[in-house]
Amino acid sequence: MTDPDITARNRWLTLTLTRLAGSAGAVFGVVLLGRAQTLGPKILGVAIVLSALAMIAIVPRSLARRWRTPPEA
């Protein structure tokens, strides 16, 4: 593999792992929310779910924007 191929593969892997980590966080938050008996853990579960969804939506897009090839002039 050439260097650009390795770089592209590593970036794709980073984007994919970021999405998977966000999904795992959202599942953890839902499980916490479902098992909570008091208000404190329920609020924590909602906060974890919302932050994980924000991570899924924002982080891969910002990384892709950072890594975008500049247009040729």
N, C-alpha and C. Protein backbone atom coordinates (compact mmCIF):
# COMPACT_ATOMS: atom_id res chain seq x y z
N MET A 1 0.84 -1.18 0.00
CA MET A 1 0.00 0.00 0.00
C MET A 1 0.88 1.24 0.00
N THR A 2 0.41 2.22 -0.70
CA THR A 2 1.15 3.48 -0.74
C THR A 2 0.77 4.33 0.47
N ASP A 3 1.53 5.37 0.69
CA ASP A 3 1.29 6.24 1.84
C ASP A 3 -0.10 6.89 1.80
N PRO A 4 -0.57 7.43 0.64
CA PRO A 4 -1.93 7.99 0.63
C PRO A 4 -3.01 6.94 0.91
N ASP A 5 -2.77 5.70 0.48
CA ASP A 5 -3.74 4.64 0.76
C ASP A 5 -3.80 4.33 2.25
N ILE A 6 -2.67 4.29 2.89
CA ILE A 6 -2.62 4.03 4.33
C ILE A 6 -3.28 5.16 5.10
N THR A 7 -3.00 6.39 4.69
CA THR A 7 -3.61 7.55 5.33
C THR A 7 -5.12 7.53 5.18
N ALA A 8 -5.60 7.21 3.98
CA ALA A 8 -7.05 7.15 3.74
C ALA A 8 -7.68 6.05 4.57
N ARG A 9 -7.04 4.90 4.66
CA ARG A 9 -7.58 3.80 5.45
C ARG A 9 -7.64 4.17 6.93
N ASN A 10 -6.58 4.80 7.43
CA ASN A 10 -6.55 5.20 8.84
C ASN A 10 -7.61 6.25 9.15
N ARG A 11 -7.83 7.15 8.23
CA ARG A 11 -8.87 8.17 8.44
C ARG A 11 -10.26 7.54 8.41
N TRP A 12 -10.49 6.62 7.50
CA TRP A 12 -11.78 5.93 7.44
C TRP A 12 -12.01 5.15 8.73
N LEU A 13 -10.96 4.47 9.21
CA LEU A 13 -11.07 3.71 10.44
C LEU A 13 -11.37 4.63 11.63
N THR A 14 -10.75 5.79 11.66
CA THR A 14 -11.01 6.75 12.73
C THR A 14 -12.45 7.23 12.70
N LEU A 15 -12.97 7.55 11.51
CA LEU A 15 -14.36 7.97 11.40
C LEU A 15 -15.32 6.87 11.84
N THR A 16 -15.03 5.65 11.43
CA THR A 16 -15.90 4.52 11.78
C THR A 16 -15.87 4.26 13.28
N LEU A 17 -14.68 4.26 13.88
CA LEU A 17 -14.58 4.03 15.32
C LEU A 17 -15.22 5.14 16.13
N THR A 18 -15.18 6.36 15.62
CA THR A 18 -15.84 7.47 16.30
C THR A 18 -17.35 7.26 16.31
N ARG A 19 -17.89 6.84 15.17
CA ARG A 19 -19.33 6.56 15.10
C ARG A 19 -19.72 5.40 16.02
N LEU A 20 -18.89 4.36 16.04
CA LEU A 20 -19.18 3.21 16.90
C LEU A 20 -19.10 3.58 18.39
N ALA A 21 -18.13 4.39 18.76
CA ALA A 21 -18.02 4.83 20.15
C ALA A 21 -19.23 5.67 20.55
N GLY A 22 -19.68 6.53 19.66
CA GLY A 22 -20.88 7.31 19.94
C GLY A 22 -22.11 6.44 20.07
N SER A 23 -22.23 5.43 19.22
CA SER A 23 -23.36 4.51 19.31
C SER A 23 -23.32 3.71 20.61
N ALA A 24 -22.14 3.26 20.99
CA ALA A 24 -22.02 2.52 22.25
C ALA A 24 -22.37 3.42 23.44
N GLY A 25 -21.96 4.66 23.38
CA GLY A 25 -22.32 5.60 24.45
C GLY A 25 -23.81 5.83 24.53
N ALA A 26 -24.46 5.92 23.37
CA ALA A 26 -25.91 6.11 23.37
C ALA A 26 -26.62 4.89 23.94
N VAL A 27 -26.16 3.71 23.59
CA VAL A 27 -26.76 2.49 24.13
C VAL A 27 -26.55 2.43 25.65
N PHE A 28 -25.36 2.77 26.11
CA PHE A 28 -25.09 2.80 27.55
C PHE A 28 -26.02 3.78 28.25
N GLY A 29 -26.22 4.95 27.66
CA GLY A 29 -27.12 5.93 28.26
C GLY A 29 -28.56 5.45 28.31
N VAL A 30 -29.01 4.75 27.28
CA VAL A 30 -30.37 4.22 27.26
C VAL A 30 -30.52 3.12 28.32
N VAL A 31 -29.51 2.26 28.45
CA VAL A 31 -29.56 1.22 29.48
C VAL A 31 -29.59 1.86 30.87
N LEU A 32 -28.76 2.86 31.09
CA LEU A 32 -28.75 3.56 32.37
C LEU A 32 -30.10 4.22 32.62
N LEU A 33 -30.66 4.82 31.61
CA LEU A 33 -31.95 5.47 31.73
C LEU A 33 -33.05 4.46 32.05
N GLY A 34 -33.00 3.29 31.44
CA GLY A 34 -34.02 2.29 31.67
C GLY A 34 -33.94 1.63 33.04
N ARG A 35 -32.75 1.53 33.59
CA ARG A 35 -32.58 0.87 34.89
C ARG A 35 -32.64 1.84 36.06
N ALA A 36 -32.67 3.11 35.81
CA ALA A 36 -32.61 4.11 36.88
C ALA A 36 -33.90 4.10 37.69
N GLN A 37 -33.74 4.19 38.99
CA GLN A 37 -34.88 4.24 39.89
C GLN A 37 -35.15 5.66 40.39
N THR A 38 -34.12 6.47 40.46
CA THR A 38 -34.27 7.83 40.96
C THR A 38 -34.00 8.83 39.86
N LEU A 39 -34.21 10.08 40.17
CA LEU A 39 -34.09 11.14 39.17
C LEU A 39 -32.64 11.40 38.75
N GLY A 40 -31.69 11.28 39.67
CA GLY A 40 -30.29 11.56 39.36
C GLY A 40 -29.73 10.72 38.23
N PRO A 41 -29.82 9.39 38.33
CA PRO A 41 -29.31 8.56 37.24
C PRO A 41 -30.10 8.73 35.93
N LYS A 42 -31.37 9.08 36.02
CA LYS A 42 -32.15 9.32 34.80
C LYS A 42 -31.63 10.55 34.07
N ILE A 43 -31.33 11.58 34.81
CA ILE A 43 -30.78 12.79 34.20
C ILE A 43 -29.41 12.50 33.60
N LEU A 44 -28.61 11.71 34.31
CA LEU A 44 -27.30 11.33 33.78
C LEU A 44 -27.45 10.51 32.50
N GLY A 45 -28.42 9.59 32.47
CA GLY A 45 -28.66 8.79 31.26
C GLY A 45 -29.06 9.65 30.08
N VAL A 46 -29.93 10.62 30.31
CA VAL A 46 -30.34 11.53 29.23
C VAL A 46 -29.15 12.35 28.74
N ALA A 47 -28.32 12.81 29.67
CA ALA A 47 -27.15 13.60 29.29
C ALA A 47 -26.17 12.76 28.46
N ILE A 48 -25.98 11.51 28.85
CA ILE A 48 -25.08 10.63 28.10
C ILE A 48 -25.62 10.37 26.70
N VAL A 49 -26.92 10.12 26.59
CA VAL A 49 -27.53 9.87 25.27
C VAL A 49 -27.40 11.10 24.38
N LEU A 50 -27.70 12.26 24.92
CA LEU A 50 -27.62 13.49 24.10
C LEU A 50 -26.19 13.80 23.68
N SER A 51 -25.24 13.61 24.58
CA SER A 51 -23.85 13.88 24.21
C SER A 51 -23.34 12.85 23.21
N ALA A 52 -23.78 11.60 23.32
CA ALA A 52 -23.37 10.59 22.35
C ALA A 52 -23.97 10.88 20.98
N LEU A 53 -25.22 11.30 20.93
CA LEU A 53 -25.82 11.65 19.65
C LEU A 53 -25.14 12.86 19.02
N ALA A 54 -24.76 13.83 19.85
CA ALA A 54 -24.03 14.98 19.33
C ALA A 54 -22.66 14.54 18.80
N MET A 55 -22.04 13.59 19.49
CA MET A 55 -20.75 13.08 19.03
C MET A 55 -20.89 12.38 17.69
N ILE A 56 -21.95 11.60 17.54
CA ILE A 56 -22.17 10.90 16.27
C ILE A 56 -22.39 11.90 15.13
N ALA A 57 -23.07 12.98 15.42
CA ALA A 57 -23.41 13.95 14.38
C ALA A 57 -22.29 14.93 14.06
N ILE A 58 -21.53 15.34 15.06
CA ILE A 58 -20.60 16.45 14.87
C ILE A 58 -19.17 16.01 14.60
N VAL A 59 -18.66 15.07 15.37
CA VAL A 59 -17.23 14.74 15.31
C VAL A 59 -16.81 14.17 13.94
N PRO A 60 -17.50 13.17 13.37
CA PRO A 60 -17.04 12.67 12.06
C PRO A 60 -17.10 13.74 10.97
N ARG A 61 -18.12 14.58 11.01
CA ARG A 61 -18.23 15.63 10.00
C ARG A 61 -17.10 16.64 10.13
N SER A 62 -16.74 17.00 11.35
CA SER A 62 -15.66 17.97 11.52
C SER A 62 -14.30 17.36 11.15
N LEU A 63 -14.11 16.07 11.44
CA LEU A 63 -12.87 15.42 11.02
C LEU A 63 -12.78 15.34 9.50
N ALA A 64 -13.88 14.99 8.85
CA ALA A 64 -13.88 14.92 7.38
C ALA A 64 -13.62 16.29 6.78
N ARG A 65 -14.16 17.33 7.38
CA ARG A 65 -13.91 18.68 6.87
C ARG A 65 -12.45 19.06 7.05
N ARG A 66 -11.86 18.66 8.17
CA ARG A 66 -10.45 18.96 8.42
C ARG A 66 -9.55 18.24 7.43
N TRP A 67 -9.91 17.01 7.07
CA TRP A 67 -9.08 16.20 6.21
C TRP A 67 -9.38 16.36 4.72
N ARG A 68 -10.34 17.20 4.37
CA ARG A 68 -10.71 17.38 2.97
C ARG A 68 -9.53 17.89 2.16
N THR A 69 -9.40 17.36 0.96
CA THR A 69 -8.35 17.81 0.06
C THR A 69 -8.68 19.21 -0.43
N PRO A 70 -7.74 20.14 -0.35
CA PRO A 70 -8.03 21.50 -0.82
C PRO A 70 -8.25 21.52 -2.32
N PRO A 71 -9.18 22.35 -2.79
CA PRO A 71 -9.42 22.42 -4.24
C PRO A 71 -8.20 22.99 -4.97
N GLU A 72 -7.98 22.45 -6.14
CA GLU A 72 -6.86 22.93 -6.94
C GLU A 72 -7.25 24.24 -7.62
N ALA A 73 -6.34 25.18 -7.63
CA ALA A 73 -6.62 26.48 -8.21
C ALA A 73 -6.28 26.53 -9.68
